[in-house]
Amino acid sequence: MKVLGFSPVFNQVHELPILLGELETTAPPCDAFLLVNNGSNDGSEGLIRASGLPYIETRQNRGVGWAIMAAAEWAADNGYDVLVGLAANGKMLPSEMGRVIAPILADQADYATGSRYLEGGASPNLPSFRRRAIPVVNGLVRLATGQTVTDSTCGYRAFRLDIFERARFDWKAEWLWTYAWEPYVYGKVLSSRGAAAVRWAEVPITMRYPEQGKPYTKIKPGLDWLKMVYPFFWARLEGRGFEPAGRRT
């Protein structure tokens, strides 16, 4: 299977060089790496254009969900089978990409996500707010989907693109453009059952944070976290999931 790695980028001129440097030195196990410039205007756009990597861009920030949709469409149009995404803020390691895609390449999962809490995972400098909040979100995800996960908020994810050929829901809906896309689709995966189930797996990864007092995310406490929780419930309550899987090739 052909694997495309990608990162959405919005105004990360200080963090993006970390990702670009590690992509160059670690050579992650993907066939290509795509950058999605989501309306950057702080100099990140220049770094993207000078990187030599393929990229797509929009003049305005449409949200991380839009960036994932755009990357998935680009991947499908260019003959890729698997999409794996990691943040451009330096918190996720390109060198660990092999861990994330391994269950998919081994035909053990259709959707895989990282976990800092599994044995072999780590999260240096994890902020106290997130240390308290993530277990709460995990509990809500279990309530919403009936599945137990260890790190429901981790954004280091990979999936087979053909799961969207089976989707009975609109994964390109405009309301998913922001933070809702990842929990909504993950909620659909976790809620799938029987012949229509999408196989999923968690793998240990590292989430590294800057020293205390330095910014580490664009997610705002409160409303943005709500946007990341309610899609799990809507994904289950909506009822529309996936068509049964056909014969795998």
Protein backbone atom coordinates (compact mmCIF):
# COMPACT_ATOMS: atom_id res chain seq x y z
CA MET A 1 0.00 0.00 0.00
CA LYS A 2 1.15 3.53 -0.78
CA VAL A 3 1.34 5.76 2.29
CA LEU A 4 1.03 9.54 2.32
CA GLY A 5 2.11 11.49 5.39
CA PHE A 6 0.84 15.02 5.88
CA SER A 7 0.71 17.94 8.30
CA PRO A 8 -1.77 20.82 8.44
CA VAL A 9 0.02 24.14 8.98
CA PHE A 10 -1.39 27.40 10.31
CA ASN A 11 0.98 30.13 11.50
CA GLN A 12 3.69 27.86 12.89
CA VAL A 13 6.81 29.63 11.69
CA HIS A 14 8.67 28.77 14.91
CA GLU A 15 7.62 25.12 15.16
CA LEU A 16 7.52 24.10 11.49
CA PRO A 17 11.34 24.04 11.09
CA ILE A 18 11.46 21.32 13.77
CA LEU A 19 9.13 19.12 11.72
CA LEU A 20 10.91 19.85 8.43
CA GLY A 21 14.30 19.10 9.95
CA GLU A 22 13.13 15.80 11.41
CA LEU A 23 11.47 14.77 8.16
CA GLU A 24 14.81 15.31 6.44
CA THR A 25 16.93 13.47 9.00
CA THR A 26 14.66 10.57 9.96
CA ALA A 27 13.14 9.68 6.57
CA PRO A 28 9.77 8.40 7.88
CA PRO A 29 8.33 5.31 6.16
CA CYS A 30 5.89 7.03 3.83
CA ASP A 31 6.02 7.34 0.07
CA ALA A 32 5.55 11.12 0.16
CA PHE A 33 4.82 13.88 2.65
CA LEU A 34 2.27 16.63 1.99
CA LEU A 35 1.97 20.00 3.70
CA VAL A 36 -1.43 21.72 3.87
CA ASN A 37 -1.00 25.48 4.27
CA ASN A 38 -4.20 26.53 6.01
CA GLY A 39 -4.04 30.28 5.41
CA SER A 40 -0.73 30.98 7.16
CA ASN A 41 0.49 34.59 7.08
CA ASP A 42 3.37 34.56 9.59
CA GLY A 43 6.11 33.28 7.29
CA SER A 44 5.12 29.61 7.47
CA GLU A 45 3.91 29.87 3.89
CA GLY A 46 7.42 30.73 2.74
CA LEU A 47 8.89 27.77 4.59
CA ILE A 48 6.32 25.48 3.00
CA ARG A 49 7.06 26.68 -0.53
CA ALA A 50 10.81 26.40 0.02
CA SER A 51 10.64 22.93 1.58
CA GLY A 52 10.59 21.02 -1.69
CA LEU A 53 7.64 18.97 -0.40
CA PRO A 54 4.32 18.82 -2.23
CA TYR A 55 1.79 21.21 -0.74
CA ILE A 56 -1.70 22.59 -1.13
CA GLU A 57 -2.91 25.84 0.34
CA THR A 58 -5.83 28.12 0.94
CA ARG A 59 -5.70 31.83 1.63
CA GLN A 60 -7.82 31.60 4.77
CA ASN A 61 -7.73 29.29 7.76
CA ARG A 62 -10.61 26.89 7.23
CA GLY A 63 -9.77 24.61 10.15
CA VAL A 64 -7.86 21.42 10.78
CA GLY A 65 -10.81 19.30 9.65
CA TRP A 66 -10.77 20.99 6.26
CA ALA A 67 -7.03 20.32 6.03
CA ILE A 68 -7.57 16.60 6.65
CA MET A 69 -10.32 16.46 4.02
CA ALA A 70 -8.06 18.23 1.52
CA ALA A 71 -5.19 15.87 2.25
CA ALA A 72 -7.45 12.82 1.91
CA GLU A 73 -8.75 14.01 -1.44
CA TRP A 74 -5.21 14.77 -2.67
CA ALA A 75 -4.08 11.32 -1.53
CA ALA A 76 -6.95 9.55 -3.30
CA ASP A 77 -6.42 11.56 -6.49
CA ASN A 78 -2.74 10.61 -6.50
CA GLY A 79 -3.10 6.89 -5.90
CA TYR A 80 -2.35 6.58 -2.18
CA ASP A 81 -4.00 3.96 0.01
CA VAL A 82 -3.17 5.16 3.54
CA LEU A 83 -3.08 8.64 5.03
CA VAL A 84 -1.16 9.39 8.22
CA GLY A 85 -1.27 12.82 9.84
CA LEU A 86 0.82 14.49 12.48
CA ALA A 87 0.83 18.01 13.83
CA ALA A 88 3.23 20.64 12.48
CA ASN A 89 3.90 22.01 15.96
CA GLY A 90 6.75 19.65 16.80
CA LYS A 91 4.88 17.60 19.42
CA MET A 92 4.77 14.41 17.35
CA LEU A 93 7.82 12.54 16.07
CA PRO A 94 8.09 11.64 12.38
CA SER A 95 10.42 8.84 13.47
CA GLU A 96 7.44 7.13 15.13
CA MET A 97 5.31 7.09 11.99
CA GLY A 98 6.19 3.44 11.45
CA ARG A 99 4.46 2.56 14.71
CA VAL A 100 1.25 4.27 13.67
CA ILE A 101 0.97 2.73 10.23
CA ALA A 102 2.20 -0.75 11.23
CA PRO A 103 -1.23 -2.22 12.18
CA ILE A 104 -2.64 -1.02 8.86
CA LEU A 105 0.21 -2.34 6.74
CA ALA A 106 -0.05 -5.67 8.59
CA ASP A 107 -3.79 -5.77 7.77
CA GLN A 108 -4.66 -5.78 11.47
CA ALA A 109 -6.48 -2.43 11.44
CA ASP A 110 -8.11 0.04 9.08
CA TYR A 111 -7.67 2.97 11.47
CA ALA A 112 -4.86 3.50 13.96
CA THR A 113 -4.17 6.20 16.50
CA GLY A 114 -1.31 6.98 18.84
CA SER A 115 -1.41 6.81 22.62
CA ARG A 116 1.00 8.41 25.04
CA TYR A 117 -0.35 6.15 27.79
CA LEU A 118 0.41 2.72 26.36
CA GLU A 119 3.63 0.99 27.37
CA GLY A 120 6.36 2.49 25.23
CA GLY A 121 4.58 5.83 24.95
CA ALA A 122 5.57 9.05 26.70
CA SER A 123 4.45 12.63 27.19
CA PRO A 124 7.24 14.82 28.61
CA ASN A 125 6.11 18.19 30.00
CA LEU A 126 2.44 17.26 29.66
CA PRO A 127 0.51 20.29 30.98
CA SER A 128 -1.46 19.69 34.16
CA PHE A 129 -4.75 20.71 32.50
CA ARG A 130 -4.36 18.04 29.85
CA ARG A 131 -3.23 15.49 32.41
CA ARG A 132 -6.56 15.98 34.19
CA ALA A 133 -8.75 16.45 31.11
CA ILE A 134 -7.71 13.53 28.91
CA PRO A 135 -8.98 10.78 31.29
CA VAL A 136 -12.29 12.65 31.52
CA VAL A 137 -12.59 12.73 27.74
CA ASN A 138 -11.68 9.03 27.59
CA GLY A 139 -14.56 8.30 29.95
CA LEU A 140 -16.97 10.32 27.83
CA VAL A 141 -15.81 8.48 24.70
CA ARG A 142 -16.48 5.16 26.43
CA LEU A 143 -19.95 6.40 27.34
CA ALA A 144 -20.61 7.59 23.78
CA THR A 145 -19.23 4.63 21.83
CA GLY A 146 -19.03 1.69 24.22
CA GLN A 147 -15.30 1.33 23.52
CA THR A 148 -12.38 1.84 25.90
CA VAL A 149 -9.46 3.87 24.56
CA THR A 150 -6.43 5.18 26.41
CA ASP A 151 -5.81 8.45 24.55
CA SER A 152 -8.85 9.70 22.67
CA THR A 153 -7.40 13.17 22.01
CA CYS A 154 -4.13 12.13 20.36
CA GLY A 155 -3.94 13.53 16.83
CA TYR A 156 -1.30 11.15 15.49
CA ARG A 157 -3.60 9.03 13.32
CA ALA A 158 -3.55 6.89 10.20
CA PHE A 159 -6.32 5.29 8.19
CA ARG A 160 -7.04 3.44 5.00
CA LEU A 161 -8.67 5.81 2.54
CA ASP A 162 -11.07 3.14 1.36
CA ILE A 163 -13.02 3.33 4.60
CA PHE A 164 -14.65 6.45 3.16
CA GLU A 165 -15.92 4.45 0.21
CA ARG A 166 -17.96 2.54 2.81
CA ALA A 167 -19.09 5.63 4.73
CA ARG A 168 -22.84 6.23 4.96
CA PHE A 169 -22.23 9.67 6.47
CA ASP A 170 -20.96 12.92 4.97
CA TRP A 171 -17.34 13.11 6.08
CA LYS A 172 -16.87 16.30 4.02
CA ALA A 173 -19.64 18.29 5.73
CA GLU A 174 -18.76 21.92 6.41
CA TRP A 175 -19.53 21.65 10.13
CA LEU A 176 -16.54 19.30 10.38
CA TRP A 177 -14.03 21.84 9.04
CA THR A 178 -12.70 22.76 12.48
CA TYR A 179 -11.92 20.45 15.42
CA ALA A 180 -14.98 18.25 14.96
CA TRP A 181 -13.67 16.11 12.08
CA GLU A 182 -11.28 13.90 14.02
CA PRO A 183 -13.60 13.00 16.94
CA TYR A 184 -16.57 12.56 14.60
CA VAL A 185 -14.81 10.11 12.30
CA TYR A 186 -13.11 8.39 15.24
CA GLY A 187 -16.52 8.12 16.88
CA LYS A 188 -17.91 6.48 13.75
CA VAL A 189 -15.03 4.01 13.75
CA LEU A 190 -15.41 3.15 17.44
CA SER A 191 -19.19 2.82 17.10
CA SER A 192 -19.03 0.48 14.10
CA ARG A 193 -20.04 -3.11 14.76
CA GLY A 194 -20.31 -6.51 13.12
CA ALA A 195 -19.79 -6.86 9.38
CA ALA A 196 -19.72 -3.08 9.08
CA ALA A 197 -16.98 -2.67 11.69
CA VAL A 198 -13.89 -0.64 10.93
CA ARG A 199 -10.95 -2.31 12.66
CA TRP A 200 -9.02 0.04 14.91
CA ALA A 201 -5.90 0.00 17.04
CA GLU A 202 -3.91 2.17 19.44
CA VAL A 203 -0.12 2.23 19.37
CA PRO A 204 2.38 3.83 21.76
CA ILE A 205 3.79 7.19 20.67
CA THR A 206 5.51 10.20 22.21
CA MET A 207 3.78 13.55 22.69
CA ARG A 208 6.42 16.09 23.66
CA TYR A 209 5.47 19.47 25.03
CA PRO A 210 7.53 22.63 25.49
CA GLU A 211 8.65 23.74 28.91
CA GLN A 212 6.02 25.18 31.23
CA GLY A 213 4.83 28.64 30.26
CA LYS A 214 5.44 28.28 26.54
CA PRO A 215 2.49 27.96 24.13
CA TYR A 216 1.80 24.41 22.98
CA THR A 217 -1.57 24.46 21.19
CA LYS A 218 -4.11 26.62 19.38
CA ILE A 219 -6.97 24.74 21.07
CA LYS A 220 -8.74 26.98 23.57
CA PRO A 221 -10.07 25.50 26.82
CA GLY A 222 -13.84 25.47 26.99
CA LEU A 223 -15.63 25.77 23.67
CA ASP A 224 -12.88 24.12 21.61
CA TRP A 225 -12.80 21.12 23.95
CA LEU A 226 -16.58 20.88 23.69
CA LYS A 227 -16.19 20.78 19.92
CA MET A 228 -13.87 17.81 20.40
CA VAL A 229 -16.27 15.86 22.65
CA TYR A 230 -19.82 16.18 21.34
CA PRO A 231 -18.97 14.72 17.89
CA PHE A 232 -18.31 11.35 19.57
CA PHE A 233 -21.90 11.36 20.84
CA TRP A 234 -23.37 12.62 17.58
CA ALA A 235 -21.44 10.00 15.63
CA ARG A 236 -23.18 7.27 17.66
CA LEU A 237 -26.62 8.86 17.93
CA GLU A 238 -26.79 9.74 14.24
CA GLY A 239 -26.83 6.06 13.44
CA ARG A 240 -25.24 6.16 9.99
CA GLY A 241 -21.97 4.28 9.96
CA PHE A 242 -20.22 2.14 7.36
CA GLU A 243 -21.32 -0.34 4.79
CA PRO A 244 -20.06 -3.91 5.38
CA ALA A 245 -16.53 -4.44 4.15
CA GLY A 246 -16.14 -6.29 0.90
CA ARG A 247 -13.35 -8.62 -0.02
CA ARG A 248 -9.99 -7.04 0.85
CA THR A 249 -7.24 -6.75 -1.72
